[in-house]
Amino acid sequence: MRKPIVIAFVATLALVALACSSGDDDEGAGATGDVAVEGSGEAEASADEAVPVSQPSQGGGSLPAIGPRVVQTASLALSVPRDEFETTIQRARTIATGSGGFVVSSSASQGEEARLVRGSLVVRVPERSYARVLEQLSDLGTVEAREEAGQDVSQELVDLQARIHHLEAVEARLLGFLEEADTVAAALSVQAELNQVQLELERARGRLAYLDDQVALATISLEVRERQIVVAGDGGGPWGIIDAWRAAGTGFVTVVGWIFVAAATIAPVVLLLFLAFVAARLAGWRGLASFRRPQA
């Protein structure tokens, strides 16, 4: 009774080794939907017990047909007129949410006048609305830079689905062996292999879910800044009252600064001259006193 169980267990170990080491090398399995288990001796003897990599679907195929699946990303840099930054960012938010998307992150920074003048916005929108949303965002200002990229992940999705079907079959087989194990040692051995298979299965499912999300929602990064105003006087035009006050204040601070520098430089010399003068006066007073004393 134990011999068939041992033979089936050895075949399952071969399946587990193939599942854990296949990874991204299962391109042939992803294309055909079936993996042939090759082994020697007892493993080949129990090949009729092996479970196919993927169960046939209702339509008759082993795996669902997958068309081109592309991860779309874009970056856009805009410049807008003065006092239009916050309005532009708000309109960009409305465009993204109106298309069924959402804002991932946003940031803004102030300019010299203590108001927001530049920032960024990252949005994700459904892939069917990607082109339309990108054009609408481009119309919000003057486009200074634009970059688009697409990554075809169709092959990886096929490989992941084939790998998941295979690991699910191995998991089901190991669960059956775990129920049939009649010793603690056999149960622990099967459980260890089962844990490894389930770990690989969760990794594959997580990667598949991540790629599905990246394909379903395109990512657009938007950079917005207000165009800088040319300062009056730099181009030869007349100055305004604000520019005059600013220039006068800068000049005053510069003059005061140089005065402090000069005072700090000559202060030791002035102090020495003052001490010499005081010493000379004291010496003169003492000489005059000693000159007058004999006459008295």
Protein backbone atom coordinates (compact mmCIF):
# COMPACT_ATOMS: atom_id res chain seq x y z
CA MET A 1 0.00 0.00 0.00
CA ARG A 2 2.89 2.31 0.75
CA LYS A 3 4.68 1.75 -2.55
CA PRO A 4 2.11 3.59 -4.73
CA ILE A 5 2.14 6.48 -2.23
CA VAL A 6 5.94 6.66 -2.34
CA ILE A 7 5.94 6.57 -6.14
CA ALA A 8 3.32 9.34 -6.34
CA PHE A 9 5.21 11.38 -3.74
CA VAL A 10 8.43 11.18 -5.78
CA ALA A 11 6.54 12.34 -8.86
CA THR A 12 5.13 15.27 -6.92
CA LEU A 13 8.61 16.27 -5.73
CA ALA A 14 9.65 16.39 -9.38
CA LEU A 15 6.68 18.66 -10.10
CA VAL A 16 7.60 20.90 -7.16
CA ALA A 17 11.21 21.21 -8.31
CA LEU A 18 10.03 22.15 -11.78
CA ALA A 19 7.56 24.72 -10.41
CA CYS A 20 10.10 26.39 -8.12
CA SER A 21 12.87 26.59 -10.73
CA SER A 22 10.86 27.43 -13.83
CA GLY A 23 10.20 31.15 -13.04
CA ASP A 24 10.57 33.19 -16.15
CA ASP A 25 12.05 30.25 -18.10
CA ASP A 26 8.59 28.72 -18.73
CA GLU A 27 8.01 30.64 -21.97
CA GLY A 28 7.21 27.43 -23.80
CA ALA A 29 4.71 26.52 -21.10
CA GLY A 30 3.09 29.95 -21.33
CA ALA A 31 2.65 29.59 -25.08
CA THR A 32 1.16 26.08 -25.11
CA GLY A 33 -0.53 26.03 -21.72
CA ASP A 34 0.86 22.51 -20.83
CA VAL A 35 4.14 21.37 -19.27
CA ALA A 36 5.46 17.84 -19.74
CA VAL A 37 7.00 16.39 -16.61
CA GLU A 38 10.27 14.58 -17.36
CA GLY A 39 11.93 12.35 -14.82
CA SER A 40 13.49 8.96 -14.49
CA GLY A 41 12.46 5.63 -13.04
CA GLU A 42 9.49 5.91 -10.69
CA ALA A 43 8.60 9.45 -11.77
CA GLU A 44 7.97 8.30 -15.35
CA ALA A 45 6.03 5.34 -14.10
CA SER A 46 3.51 7.62 -12.43
CA ALA A 47 3.32 10.13 -15.30
CA ASP A 48 -0.29 9.12 -15.86
CA GLU A 49 -1.06 10.57 -12.42
CA ALA A 50 0.41 13.99 -13.20
CA VAL A 51 -2.04 16.88 -13.31
CA PRO A 52 -1.97 19.18 -16.40
CA VAL A 53 -0.55 22.65 -15.93
CA SER A 54 -3.83 24.32 -16.70
CA GLN A 55 -7.36 23.07 -16.75
CA PRO A 56 -9.26 23.51 -20.00
CA SER A 57 -11.49 26.52 -20.01
CA GLN A 58 -15.11 26.51 -21.06
CA GLY A 59 -14.11 27.71 -24.50
CA GLY A 60 -11.82 24.70 -24.99
CA GLY A 61 -8.46 26.51 -24.56
CA SER A 62 -6.00 25.84 -21.76
CA LEU A 63 -5.38 29.58 -21.15
CA PRO A 64 -7.49 32.63 -22.00
CA ALA A 65 -6.36 34.53 -25.06
CA ILE A 66 -4.42 37.69 -24.21
CA GLY A 67 -4.07 40.57 -26.64
CA PRO A 68 -1.46 43.31 -26.44
CA ARG A 69 -1.19 44.48 -22.83
CA VAL A 70 0.80 47.70 -22.47
CA VAL A 71 1.76 49.69 -19.37
CA GLN A 72 1.41 53.35 -20.40
CA THR A 73 3.23 56.23 -18.70
CA ALA A 74 3.71 59.88 -19.62
CA SER A 75 5.28 63.04 -18.22
CA LEU A 76 4.20 66.56 -19.12
CA ALA A 77 5.73 69.94 -18.25
CA LEU A 78 3.59 73.08 -18.62
CA SER A 79 4.10 76.79 -18.07
CA VAL A 80 1.11 79.01 -17.27
CA PRO A 81 0.60 82.78 -16.90
CA ARG A 82 1.05 84.58 -13.61
CA ASP A 83 -1.53 83.78 -10.90
CA GLU A 84 -2.76 80.74 -12.86
CA PHE A 85 -0.89 77.96 -11.05
CA GLU A 86 -3.54 76.96 -8.51
CA THR A 87 -6.33 77.22 -11.08
CA THR A 88 -4.41 74.98 -13.48
CA ILE A 89 -3.75 72.35 -10.82
CA GLN A 90 -7.43 72.32 -9.86
CA ARG A 91 -8.48 71.91 -13.50
CA ALA A 92 -6.00 69.03 -13.90
CA ARG A 93 -7.54 67.30 -10.86
CA THR A 94 -11.01 67.72 -12.35
CA ILE A 95 -9.90 66.25 -15.68
CA ALA A 96 -8.38 63.20 -13.98
CA THR A 97 -11.32 62.46 -11.69
CA GLY A 98 -13.83 63.18 -14.45
CA SER A 99 -12.32 60.42 -16.57
CA GLY A 100 -12.61 57.88 -13.76
CA GLY A 101 -9.05 58.33 -12.48
CA PHE A 102 -7.58 59.67 -9.27
CA VAL A 103 -4.68 61.72 -7.93
CA VAL A 104 -1.72 59.71 -6.64
CA SER A 105 0.37 62.58 -5.25
CA SER A 106 0.82 66.33 -5.52
CA SER A 107 3.30 68.95 -4.35
CA ALA A 108 3.71 72.72 -4.62
CA SER A 109 6.27 75.33 -3.64
CA GLN A 110 6.19 79.09 -3.11
CA GLY A 111 7.95 81.80 -5.03
CA GLU A 112 9.41 85.11 -3.89
CA GLU A 113 5.98 86.59 -3.21
CA ALA A 114 4.98 83.89 -0.69
CA ARG A 115 2.43 82.23 -2.98
CA LEU A 116 2.37 78.93 -4.83
CA VAL A 117 3.95 79.26 -8.26
CA ARG A 118 5.22 75.77 -9.16
CA GLY A 119 4.42 72.14 -8.38
CA SER A 120 3.67 68.65 -9.66
CA LEU A 121 0.71 66.31 -9.90
CA VAL A 122 0.71 62.55 -10.52
CA VAL A 123 -2.57 61.04 -11.71
CA ARG A 124 -3.74 57.61 -12.83
CA VAL A 125 -6.50 57.28 -15.39
CA PRO A 126 -8.15 54.33 -17.16
CA GLU A 127 -6.11 53.19 -20.14
CA ARG A 128 -9.03 53.81 -22.50
CA SER A 129 -9.01 57.50 -21.50
CA TYR A 130 -5.24 57.93 -21.51
CA ALA A 131 -4.87 59.71 -24.87
CA ARG A 132 -7.84 62.02 -24.29
CA VAL A 133 -6.72 63.01 -20.79
CA LEU A 134 -3.18 63.69 -21.98
CA GLU A 135 -4.45 66.04 -24.67
CA GLN A 136 -6.73 67.84 -22.22
CA LEU A 137 -3.86 68.34 -19.80
CA SER A 138 -1.67 69.65 -22.63
CA ASP A 139 -4.27 72.32 -23.38
CA LEU A 140 -4.00 73.77 -19.84
CA GLY A 141 -0.82 75.72 -20.66
CA THR A 142 2.23 75.97 -22.86
CA VAL A 143 3.86 72.56 -23.28
CA GLU A 144 7.58 72.80 -22.49
CA ALA A 145 8.32 69.06 -22.39
CA ARG A 146 6.39 65.89 -23.13
CA GLU A 147 7.44 62.26 -22.89
CA GLU A 148 5.47 59.04 -23.36
CA ALA A 149 6.48 55.43 -22.84
CA GLY A 150 4.83 52.04 -23.18
CA GLN A 151 5.92 48.63 -21.91
CA ASP A 152 4.41 45.51 -23.46
CA VAL A 153 3.86 42.92 -20.69
CA SER A 154 1.74 40.47 -22.67
CA GLN A 155 4.34 37.68 -22.59
CA GLU A 156 4.92 38.05 -18.86
CA LEU A 157 1.18 37.87 -18.20
CA VAL A 158 0.90 34.64 -20.20
CA ASP A 159 3.86 33.15 -18.34
CA LEU A 160 2.41 34.12 -14.97
CA GLN A 161 -0.97 32.60 -15.73
CA ALA A 162 0.65 29.34 -16.86
CA ARG A 163 2.83 29.31 -13.75
CA ILE A 164 -0.18 29.91 -11.48
CA HIS A 165 -2.13 27.04 -13.10
CA HIS A 166 0.84 24.75 -12.66
CA LEU A 167 1.42 25.70 -9.02
CA GLU A 168 -2.28 25.29 -8.23
CA ALA A 169 -2.15 21.74 -9.62
CA VAL A 170 0.93 20.93 -7.55
CA GLU A 171 -0.70 22.43 -4.46
CA ALA A 172 -3.81 20.27 -4.92
CA ARG A 173 -1.68 17.15 -5.34
CA LEU A 174 0.38 17.91 -2.22
CA LEU A 175 -2.77 18.51 -0.19
CA GLY A 176 -3.94 15.04 -1.22
CA PHE A 177 -0.63 13.52 -0.14
CA LEU A 178 -0.83 15.36 3.15
CA GLU A 179 -4.17 13.72 3.90
CA GLU A 180 -2.80 10.28 2.98
CA ALA A 181 0.41 10.57 5.03
CA ASP A 182 0.44 7.92 7.75
CA THR A 183 3.58 9.04 9.63
CA VAL A 184 4.67 12.28 11.19
CA ALA A 185 7.87 12.37 9.15
CA ALA A 186 5.98 11.96 5.88
CA ALA A 187 3.48 14.65 6.88
CA LEU A 188 6.24 17.09 7.80
CA SER A 189 8.05 16.46 4.51
CA VAL A 190 4.91 17.05 2.47
CA GLN A 191 4.04 20.14 4.52
CA ALA A 192 7.47 21.68 3.87
CA GLU A 193 7.07 21.23 0.12
CA LEU A 194 3.50 22.53 0.32
CA ASN A 195 4.65 25.70 2.09
CA GLN A 196 7.22 26.39 -0.62
CA VAL A 197 4.69 25.87 -3.40
CA GLN A 198 2.13 28.11 -1.72
CA LEU A 199 4.77 30.84 -1.28
CA GLU A 200 5.64 30.72 -4.97
CA LEU A 201 1.95 30.72 -5.83
CA GLU A 202 1.27 33.88 -3.79
CA ARG A 203 4.23 35.63 -5.40
CA ALA A 204 2.97 34.82 -8.87
CA ARG A 205 -0.57 35.94 -8.01
CA GLY A 206 0.75 39.20 -6.54
CA ARG A 207 2.86 39.95 -9.61
CA LEU A 208 -0.10 39.18 -11.88
CA ALA A 209 -2.38 41.50 -9.90
CA TYR A 210 0.24 44.28 -10.01
CA LEU A 211 0.66 44.03 -13.79
CA ASP A 212 -3.10 43.96 -14.31
CA ASP A 213 -3.38 47.17 -12.29
CA GLN A 214 -0.55 48.85 -14.22
CA VAL A 215 -2.17 47.97 -17.53
CA ALA A 216 -5.66 49.01 -16.49
CA LEU A 217 -4.57 52.46 -15.25
CA ALA A 218 -2.09 54.68 -17.08
CA THR A 219 0.16 57.03 -15.07
CA ILE A 220 0.65 60.70 -16.02
CA SER A 221 3.10 63.00 -14.21
CA LEU A 222 2.35 66.71 -14.62
CA GLU A 223 4.78 69.56 -13.84
CA VAL A 224 3.33 73.09 -13.75
CA ARG A 225 5.08 76.42 -13.21
CA GLU A 226 4.18 80.05 -13.67
CA ARG A 227 6.13 81.89 -16.32
CA GLN A 228 8.59 84.37 -14.81
CA ILE A 229 7.85 88.04 -15.45
CA VAL A 230 10.66 90.09 -16.95
CA VAL A 231 11.83 92.65 -14.36
CA ALA A 232 11.31 96.23 -15.52
CA GLY A 233 14.63 97.89 -16.24
CA ASP A 234 16.38 94.64 -17.26
CA GLY A 235 15.09 95.08 -20.79
CA GLY A 236 15.71 98.84 -20.98
CA GLY A 237 12.22 99.93 -19.88
CA PRO A 238 11.44 102.42 -17.08
CA TRP A 239 11.46 101.29 -13.48
CA GLY A 240 8.36 101.10 -11.36
CA ILE A 241 8.03 102.43 -7.80
CA ILE A 242 8.49 98.93 -6.34
CA ASP A 243 11.69 98.39 -8.30
CA ALA A 244 13.00 101.81 -7.18
CA TRP A 245 12.36 101.06 -3.49
CA ARG A 246 13.94 97.64 -3.88
CA ALA A 247 17.07 99.11 -5.49
CA ALA A 248 17.26 101.87 -2.83
CA GLY A 249 16.98 99.34 0.00
CA THR A 250 19.67 97.16 -1.54
CA GLY A 251 21.99 100.15 -1.91
CA PHE A 252 21.39 101.32 1.66
CA VAL A 253 22.16 97.88 3.08
CA THR A 254 25.32 97.71 0.97
CA VAL A 255 26.57 101.14 2.16
CA VAL A 256 25.86 100.36 5.82
CA GLY A 257 27.68 97.07 5.48
CA TRP A 258 30.81 98.75 4.07
CA ILE A 259 30.71 101.34 6.84
CA PHE A 260 30.76 98.60 9.46
CA VAL A 261 33.63 96.89 7.66
CA ALA A 262 35.65 100.12 7.57
CA ALA A 263 34.91 100.90 11.22
CA ALA A 264 35.95 97.42 12.31
CA THR A 265 39.17 97.73 10.31
CA ILE A 266 40.36 101.12 11.68
CA ALA A 267 39.06 100.68 15.23
CA PRO A 268 42.34 99.19 16.59
CA VAL A 269 44.38 102.03 15.04
CA VAL A 270 42.09 104.70 16.52
CA LEU A 271 42.28 103.01 19.92
CA LEU A 272 46.10 103.00 19.85
CA LEU A 273 46.23 106.67 18.85
CA PHE A 274 43.83 107.56 21.64
CA LEU A 275 45.94 105.70 24.23
CA ALA A 276 49.11 107.39 22.97
CA PHE A 277 47.43 110.77 23.21
CA VAL A 278 46.29 110.10 26.78
CA ALA A 279 49.76 108.91 27.77
CA ALA A 280 51.36 112.01 26.24
CA ARG A 281 48.97 114.31 28.12
CA LEU A 282 49.69 112.55 31.39
CA ALA A 283 53.44 112.83 30.82
CA GLY A 284 53.08 116.52 30.00
CA TRP A 285 51.11 117.19 33.16
CA ARG A 286 53.70 115.45 35.32
CA GLY A 287 56.59 117.38 33.70
CA LEU A 288 54.83 120.67 34.19
CA ALA A 289 54.16 119.87 37.84
CA SER A 290 57.79 118.96 38.51
CA PHE A 291 58.99 122.16 36.75
CA ARG A 292 56.81 124.40 38.85
CA ARG A 293 57.63 122.81 42.21
CA PRO A 294 61.26 124.25 42.66
CA GLN A 295 60.11 127.76 41.89
CA ALA A 296 57.72 127.55 44.79
